Amino acid sequence: MKWGAAVAVTFVVLFMIGYERPKFRQYSKREKLAFAMLAALGWMLTLLLVLFPDLPGPTQLVDFLFGPLGKLLE
């Protein structure tokens, strides 16, 4: 079932790109690149969360990195 959700997310991203494609002529190269990068990053993060729902969040990474520093400053 997870792969079905991954395929559905991929189709949604492809639909979004297909919907925006006719409007790309009026955008600059930097805007096109920004759109492509944000779409790719969102797609990858969504796939990671769909396929591996138990991944730690960003706050756990911050706690891991700065936890010892907080204990040292106490």
PDB file of N, CA and C in Angstrom:
ATOM      1  N   MET A   1       0.821  -1.198   0.000  1.00  0.00           N
ATOM      2  CA  MET A   1       0.000   0.000   0.000  1.00  0.00           C
ATOM      3  C   MET A   1       0.858   1.254   0.000  1.00  0.00           C
ATOM      4  N   LYS A   2       2.044   1.149   0.611  1.00  0.00           N
ATOM      5  CA  LYS A   2       2.921   2.313   0.634  1.00  0.00           C
ATOM      6  C   LYS A   2       3.350   2.709  -0.769  1.00  0.00           C
ATOM      7  N   TRP A   3       3.573   1.698  -1.620  1.00  0.00           N
ATOM      8  CA  TRP A   3       4.003   2.018  -2.975  1.00  0.00           C
ATOM      9  C   TRP A   3       2.879   2.664  -3.764  1.00  0.00           C
ATOM     10  N   GLY A   4       1.660   2.327  -3.463  1.00  0.00           N
ATOM     11  CA  GLY A   4       0.529   2.980  -4.120  1.00  0.00           C
ATOM     12  C   GLY A   4       0.461   4.454  -3.763  1.00  0.00           C
ATOM     13  N   ALA A   5       0.730   4.772  -2.502  1.00  0.00           N
ATOM     14  CA  ALA A   5       0.756   6.171  -2.073  1.00  0.00           C
ATOM     15  C   ALA A   5       1.919   6.905  -2.725  1.00  0.00           C
ATOM     16  N   ALA A   6       3.055   6.235  -2.863  1.00  0.00           N
ATOM     17  CA  ALA A   6       4.218   6.856  -3.508  1.00  0.00           C
ATOM     18  C   ALA A   6       3.930   7.157  -4.970  1.00  0.00           C
ATOM     19  N   VAL A   7       3.263   6.243  -5.642  1.00  0.00           N
ATOM     20  CA  VAL A   7       2.893   6.467  -7.046  1.00  0.00           C
ATOM     21  C   VAL A   7       1.878   7.604  -7.149  1.00  0.00           C
ATOM     22  N   ALA A   8       0.943   7.663  -6.212  1.00  0.00           N
ATOM     23  CA  ALA A   8      -0.045   8.744  -6.220  1.00  0.00           C
ATOM     24  C   ALA A   8       0.617  10.100  -6.009  1.00  0.00           C
ATOM     25  N   VAL A   9       1.582  10.174  -5.103  1.00  0.00           N
ATOM     26  CA  VAL A   9       2.309  11.432  -4.870  1.00  0.00           C
ATOM     27  C   VAL A   9       3.069  11.831  -6.126  1.00  0.00           C
ATOM     28  N   THR A  10       3.676  10.860  -6.787  1.00  0.00           N
ATOM     29  CA  THR A  10       4.417  11.146  -8.017  1.00  0.00           C
ATOM     30  C   THR A  10       3.485  11.686  -9.101  1.00  0.00           C
ATOM     31  N   PHE A  11       2.299  11.105  -9.235  1.00  0.00           N
ATOM     32  CA  PHE A  11       1.342  11.593 -10.221  1.00  0.00           C
ATOM     33  C   PHE A  11       0.864  13.006  -9.891  1.00  0.00           C
ATOM     34  N   VAL A  12       0.689  13.307  -8.611  1.00  0.00           N
ATOM     35  CA  VAL A  12       0.272  14.653  -8.221  1.00  0.00           C
ATOM     36  C   VAL A  12       1.353  15.670  -8.581  1.00  0.00           C
ATOM     37  N   VAL A  13       2.606  15.334  -8.329  1.00  0.00           N
ATOM     38  CA  VAL A  13       3.703  16.245  -8.669  1.00  0.00           C
ATOM     39  C   VAL A  13       3.798  16.413 -10.181  1.00  0.00           C
ATOM     40  N   LEU A  14       3.663  15.333 -10.928  1.00  0.00           N
ATOM     41  CA  LEU A  14       3.692  15.433 -12.389  1.00  0.00           C
ATOM     42  C   LEU A  14       2.522  16.253 -12.917  1.00  0.00           C
ATOM     43  N   PHE A  15       1.350  16.106 -12.314  1.00  0.00           N
ATOM     44  CA  PHE A  15       0.206  16.913 -12.711  1.00  0.00           C
ATOM     45  C   PHE A  15       0.462  18.399 -12.427  1.00  0.00           C
ATOM     46  N   MET A  16       1.063  18.681 -11.282  1.00  0.00           N
ATOM     47  CA  MET A  16       1.375  20.057 -10.917  1.00  0.00           C
ATOM     48  C   MET A  16       2.353  20.668 -11.918  1.00  0.00           C
ATOM     49  N   ILE A  17       3.365  19.912 -12.305  1.00  0.00           N
ATOM     50  CA  ILE A  17       4.336  20.408 -13.279  1.00  0.00           C
ATOM     51  C   ILE A  17       3.670  20.589 -14.642  1.00  0.00           C
ATOM     52  N   GLY A  18       2.843  19.650 -15.029  1.00  0.00           N
ATOM     53  CA  GLY A  18       2.128  19.770 -16.300  1.00  0.00           C
ATOM     54  C   GLY A  18       1.171  20.946 -16.338  1.00  0.00           C
ATOM     55  N   TYR A  19       0.572  21.256 -15.212  1.00  0.00           N
ATOM     56  CA  TYR A  19      -0.345  22.390 -15.134  1.00  0.00           C
ATOM     57  C   TYR A  19       0.409  23.718 -15.251  1.00  0.00           C
ATOM     58  N   GLU A  20       1.588  23.789 -14.664  1.00  0.00           N
ATOM     59  CA  GLU A  20       2.367  25.025 -14.678  1.00  0.00           C
ATOM     60  C   GLU A  20       3.205  25.194 -15.941  1.00  0.00           C
ATOM     61  N   ARG A  21       3.421  24.137 -16.687  1.00  0.00           N
ATOM     62  CA  ARG A  21       4.324  24.180 -17.840  1.00  0.00           C
ATOM     63  C   ARG A  21       3.951  25.220 -18.892  1.00  0.00           C
ATOM     64  N   PRO A  22       2.697  25.400 -19.265  1.00  0.00           N
ATOM     65  CA  PRO A  22       2.396  26.433 -20.272  1.00  0.00           C
ATOM     66  C   PRO A  22       2.727  27.848 -19.798  1.00  0.00           C
ATOM     67  N   LYS A  23       2.763  28.073 -18.525  1.00  0.00           N
ATOM     68  CA  LYS A  23       3.052  29.402 -17.995  1.00  0.00           C
ATOM     69  C   LYS A  23       4.554  29.651 -17.856  1.00  0.00           C
ATOM     70  N   PHE A  24       5.375  28.647 -18.129  1.00  0.00           N
ATOM     71  CA  PHE A  24       6.818  28.763 -17.921  1.00  0.00           C
ATOM     72  C   PHE A  24       7.485  29.762 -18.861  1.00  0.00           C
ATOM     73  N   ARG A  25       6.898  30.048 -19.990  1.00  0.00           N
ATOM     74  CA  ARG A  25       7.532  30.964 -20.950  1.00  0.00           C
ATOM     75  C   ARG A  25       7.746  32.349 -20.365  1.00  0.00           C
ATOM     76  N   GLN A  26       6.848  32.788 -19.515  1.00  0.00           N
ATOM     77  CA  GLN A  26       6.935  34.137 -18.972  1.00  0.00           C
ATOM     78  C   GLN A  26       7.848  34.225 -17.750  1.00  0.00           C
ATOM     79  N   TYR A  27       8.301  33.090 -17.241  1.00  0.00           N
ATOM     80  CA  TYR A  27       9.160  33.093 -16.067  1.00  0.00           C
ATOM     81  C   TYR A  27      10.627  33.169 -16.477  1.00  0.00           C
ATOM     82  N   SER A  28      11.440  33.728 -15.596  1.00  0.00           N
ATOM     83  CA  SER A  28      12.876  33.760 -15.854  1.00  0.00           C
ATOM     84  C   SER A  28      13.475  32.387 -15.558  1.00  0.00           C
ATOM     85  N   LYS A  29      14.727  32.227 -15.948  1.00  0.00           N
ATOM     86  CA  LYS A  29      15.402  30.950 -15.742  1.00  0.00           C
ATOM     87  C   LYS A  29      15.556  30.641 -14.251  1.00  0.00           C
ATOM     88  N   ARG A  30      15.791  31.670 -13.445  1.00  0.00           N
ATOM     89  CA  ARG A  30      15.938  31.467 -11.997  1.00  0.00           C
ATOM     90  C   ARG A  30      14.619  31.010 -11.372  1.00  0.00           C
ATOM     91  N   GLU A  31      13.500  31.575 -11.822  1.00  0.00           N
ATOM     92  CA  GLU A  31      12.198  31.155 -11.290  1.00  0.00           C
ATOM     93  C   GLU A  31      11.875  29.724 -11.684  1.00  0.00           C
ATOM     94  N   LYS A  32      12.237  29.351 -12.892  1.00  0.00           N
ATOM     95  CA  LYS A  32      12.021  27.972 -13.331  1.00  0.00           C
ATOM     96  C   LYS A  32      12.857  27.008 -12.496  1.00  0.00           C
ATOM     97  N   LEU A  33      14.106  27.394 -12.247  1.00  0.00           N
ATOM     98  CA  LEU A  33      14.980  26.551 -11.438  1.00  0.00           C
ATOM     99  C   LEU A  33      14.471  26.443  -9.999  1.00  0.00           C
ATOM    100  N   ALA A  34      14.005  27.561  -9.444  1.00  0.00           N
ATOM    101  CA  ALA A  34      13.470  27.545  -8.079  1.00  0.00           C
ATOM    102  C   ALA A  34      12.236  26.642  -7.999  1.00  0.00           C
ATOM    103  N   PHE A  35      11.359  26.734  -8.981  1.00  0.00           N
ATOM    104  CA  PHE A  35      10.171  25.878  -9.008  1.00  0.00           C
ATOM    105  C   PHE A  35      10.566  24.405  -9.081  1.00  0.00           C
ATOM    106  N   ALA A  36      11.523  24.091  -9.958  1.00  0.00           N
ATOM    107  CA  ALA A  36      11.950  22.701 -10.123  1.00  0.00           C
ATOM    108  C   ALA A  36      12.590  22.171  -8.843  1.00  0.00           C
ATOM    109  N   MET A  37      13.424  22.984  -8.218  1.00  0.00           N
ATOM    110  CA  MET A  37      14.100  22.537  -6.995  1.00  0.00           C
ATOM    111  C   MET A  37      13.108  22.343  -5.849  1.00  0.00           C
ATOM    112  N   LEU A  38      12.174  23.272  -5.680  1.00  0.00           N
ATOM    113  CA  LEU A  38      11.182  23.133  -4.608  1.00  0.00           C
ATOM    114  C   LEU A  38      10.255  21.951  -4.849  1.00  0.00           C
ATOM    115  N   ALA A  39       9.863  21.747  -6.107  1.00  0.00           N
ATOM    116  CA  ALA A  39       9.011  20.596  -6.423  1.00  0.00           C
ATOM    117  C   ALA A  39       9.751  19.289  -6.158  1.00  0.00           C
ATOM    118  N   ALA A  40      11.021  19.213  -6.551  1.00  0.00           N
ATOM    119  CA  ALA A  40      11.806  17.997  -6.333  1.00  0.00           C
ATOM    120  C   ALA A  40      12.037  17.753  -4.845  1.00  0.00           C
ATOM    121  N   LEU A  41      12.353  18.795  -4.103  1.00  0.00           N
ATOM    122  CA  LEU A  41      12.572  18.651  -2.666  1.00  0.00           C
ATOM    123  C   LEU A  41      11.292  18.213  -1.955  1.00  0.00           C
ATOM    124  N   GLY A  42      10.175  18.820  -2.300  1.00  0.00           N
ATOM    125  CA  GLY A  42       8.898  18.423  -1.707  1.00  0.00           C
ATOM    126  C   GLY A  42       8.525  16.995  -2.053  1.00  0.00           C
ATOM    127  N   TRP A  43       8.795  16.609  -3.296  1.00  0.00           N
ATOM    128  CA  TRP A  43       8.501  15.236  -3.719  1.00  0.00           C
ATOM    129  C   TRP A  43       9.346  14.236  -2.943  1.00  0.00           C
ATOM    130  N   MET A  44      10.646  14.526  -2.800  1.00  0.00           N
ATOM    131  CA  MET A  44      11.526  13.609  -2.074  1.00  0.00           C
ATOM    132  C   MET A  44      11.139  13.509  -0.599  1.00  0.00           C
ATOM    133  N   LEU A  45      10.843  14.632   0.042  1.00  0.00           N
ATOM    134  CA  LEU A  45      10.451  14.599   1.450  1.00  0.00           C
ATOM    135  C   LEU A  45       9.140  13.847   1.642  1.00  0.00           C
ATOM    136  N   THR A  46       8.210  14.043   0.739  1.00  0.00           N
ATOM    137  CA  THR A  46       6.933  13.342   0.832  1.00  0.00           C
ATOM    138  C   THR A  46       7.121  11.838   0.661  1.00  0.00           C
ATOM    139  N   LEU A  47       7.954  11.443  -0.291  1.00  0.00           N
ATOM    140  CA  LEU A  47       8.216  10.012  -0.466  1.00  0.00           C
ATOM    141  C   LEU A  47       8.886   9.419   0.755  1.00  0.00           C
ATOM    142  N   LEU A  48       9.833  10.148   1.339  1.00  0.00           N
ATOM    143  CA  LEU A  48      10.479   9.642   2.549  1.00  0.00           C
ATOM    144  C   LEU A  48       9.474   9.448   3.678  1.00  0.00           C
ATOM    145  N   LEU A  49       8.572  10.404   3.849  1.00  0.00           N
ATOM    146  CA  LEU A  49       7.581  10.280   4.922  1.00  0.00           C
ATOM    147  C   LEU A  49       6.550   9.197   4.646  1.00  0.00           C
ATOM    148  N   VAL A  50       6.224   8.985   3.384  1.00  0.00           N
ATOM    149  CA  VAL A  50       5.262   7.930   3.044  1.00  0.00           C
ATOM    150  C   VAL A  50       5.887   6.558   3.221  1.00  0.00           C
ATOM    151  N   LEU A  51       7.119   6.392   2.759  1.00  0.00           N
ATOM    152  CA  LEU A  51       7.758   5.076   2.801  1.00  0.00           C
ATOM    153  C   LEU A  51       8.337   4.736   4.170  1.00  0.00           C
ATOM    154  N   PHE A  52       8.805   5.765   4.909  1.00  0.00           N
ATOM    155  CA  PHE A  52       9.410   5.556   6.229  1.00  0.00           C
ATOM    156  C   PHE A  52       8.776   6.506   7.244  1.00  0.00           C
ATOM    157  N   PRO A  53       7.577   6.204   7.716  1.00  0.00           N
ATOM    158  CA  PRO A  53       6.877   7.151   8.602  1.00  0.00           C
ATOM    159  C   PRO A  53       7.517   7.320   9.979  1.00  0.00           C
ATOM    160  N   ASP A  54       8.417   6.443  10.369  1.00  0.00           N
ATOM    161  CA  ASP A  54       9.031   6.530  11.697  1.00  0.00           C
ATOM    162  C   ASP A  54      10.352   7.284  11.699  1.00  0.00           C
ATOM    163  N   LEU A  55      10.642   8.020  10.639  1.00  0.00           N
ATOM    164  CA  LEU A  55      11.885   8.792  10.597  1.00  0.00           C
ATOM    165  C   LEU A  55      11.857   9.883  11.666  1.00  0.00           C
ATOM    166  N   PRO A  56      13.002  10.157  12.284  1.00  0.00           N
ATOM    167  CA  PRO A  56      13.034  11.242  13.274  1.00  0.00           C
ATOM    168  C   PRO A  56      12.868  12.597  12.588  1.00  0.00           C
ATOM    169  N   GLY A  57      12.296  13.531  13.326  1.00  0.00           N
ATOM    170  CA  GLY A  57      12.062  14.863  12.801  1.00  0.00           C
ATOM    171  C   GLY A  57      13.263  15.779  12.976  1.00  0.00           C
ATOM    172  N   PRO A  58      13.169  16.985  12.460  1.00  0.00           N
ATOM    173  CA  PRO A  58      14.288  17.920  12.565  1.00  0.00           C
ATOM    174  C   PRO A  58      14.564  18.368  13.994  1.00  0.00           C
ATOM    175  N   THR A  59      13.565  18.392  14.860  1.00  0.00           N
ATOM    176  CA  THR A  59      13.817  18.802  16.242  1.00  0.00           C
ATOM    177  C   THR A  59      14.665  17.774  16.983  1.00  0.00           C
ATOM    178  N   GLN A  60      14.533  16.516  16.625  1.00  0.00           N
ATOM    179  CA  GLN A  60      15.366  15.487  17.241  1.00  0.00           C
ATOM    180  C   GLN A  60      16.824  15.642  16.807  1.00  0.00           C
ATOM    181  N   LEU A  61      17.049  16.091  15.585  1.00  0.00           N
ATOM    182  CA  LEU A  61      18.412  16.359  15.128  1.00  0.00           C
ATOM    183  C   LEU A  61      19.014  17.533  15.892  1.00  0.00           C
ATOM    184  N   VAL A  62      18.244  18.587  16.099  1.00  0.00           N
ATOM    185  CA  VAL A  62      18.728  19.742  16.857  1.00  0.00           C
ATOM    186  C   VAL A  62      19.023  19.342  18.300  1.00  0.00           C
ATOM    187  N   ASP A  63      18.163  18.554  18.900  1.00  0.00           N
ATOM    188  CA  ASP A  63      18.413  18.075  20.261  1.00  0.00           C
ATOM    189  C   ASP A  63      19.686  17.240  20.329  1.00  0.00           C
ATOM    190  N   PHE A  64      19.906  16.410  19.329  1.00  0.00           N
ATOM    191  CA  PHE A  64      21.109  15.580  19.303  1.00  0.00           C
ATOM    192  C   PHE A  64      22.366  16.431  19.180  1.00  0.00           C
ATOM    193  N   LEU A  65      22.306  17.454  18.332  1.00  0.00           N
ATOM    194  CA  LEU A  65      23.484  18.287  18.107  1.00  0.00           C
ATOM    195  C   LEU A  65      23.781  19.228  19.249  1.00  0.00           C
ATOM    196  N   PHE A  66      22.734  19.862  19.794  1.00  0.00           N
ATOM    197  CA  PHE A  66      22.944  20.892  20.792  1.00  0.00           C
ATOM    198  C   PHE A  66      22.635  20.447  22.219  1.00  0.00           C
ATOM    199  N   GLY A  67      22.213  19.219  22.422  1.00  0.00           N
ATOM    200  CA  GLY A  67      21.946  18.705  23.751  1.00  0.00           C
ATOM    201  C   GLY A  67      23.165  18.736  24.665  1.00  0.00           C
ATOM    202  N   PRO A  68      24.297  18.219  24.190  1.00  0.00           N
ATOM    203  CA  PRO A  68      25.494  18.275  25.046  1.00  0.00           C
ATOM    204  C   PRO A  68      25.932  19.719  25.360  1.00  0.00           C
ATOM    205  N   LEU A  69      25.751  20.617  24.418  1.00  0.00           N
ATOM    206  CA  LEU A  69      26.108  22.009  24.661  1.00  0.00           C
ATOM    207  C   LEU A  69      25.222  22.616  25.747  1.00  0.00           C
ATOM    208  N   GLY A  70      23.940  22.280  25.747  1.00  0.00           N
ATOM    209  CA  GLY A  70      23.040  22.773  26.775  1.00  0.00           C
ATOM    210  C   GLY A  70      23.395  22.251  28.150  1.00  0.00           C
ATOM    211  N   LYS A  71      23.783  20.981  28.215  1.00  0.00           N
ATOM    212  CA  LYS A  71      24.190  20.404  29.495  1.00  0.00           C
ATOM    213  C   LYS A  71      25.497  21.036  29.986  1.00  0.00           C
ATOM    214  N   LEU A  72      26.367  21.360  29.058  1.00  0.00           N
ATOM    215  CA  LEU A  72      27.639  21.985  29.410  1.00  0.00           C
ATOM    216  C   LEU A  72      27.437  23.404  29.955  1.00  0.00           C
ATOM    217  N   LEU A  73      26.469  24.120  29.426  1.00  0.00           N
ATOM    218  CA  LEU A  73      26.225  25.499  29.851  1.00  0.00           C
ATOM    219  C   LEU A  73      25.440  25.587  31.157  1.00  0.00           C
ATOM    220  N   GLU A  74      24.826  24.510  31.593  1.00  0.00           N
ATOM    221  CA  GLU A  74      24.041  24.547  32.842  1.00  0.00           C
ATOM    222  C   GLU A  74      24.900  24.645  34.053  1.00  0.00           C
TER     223      GLU A  74
END
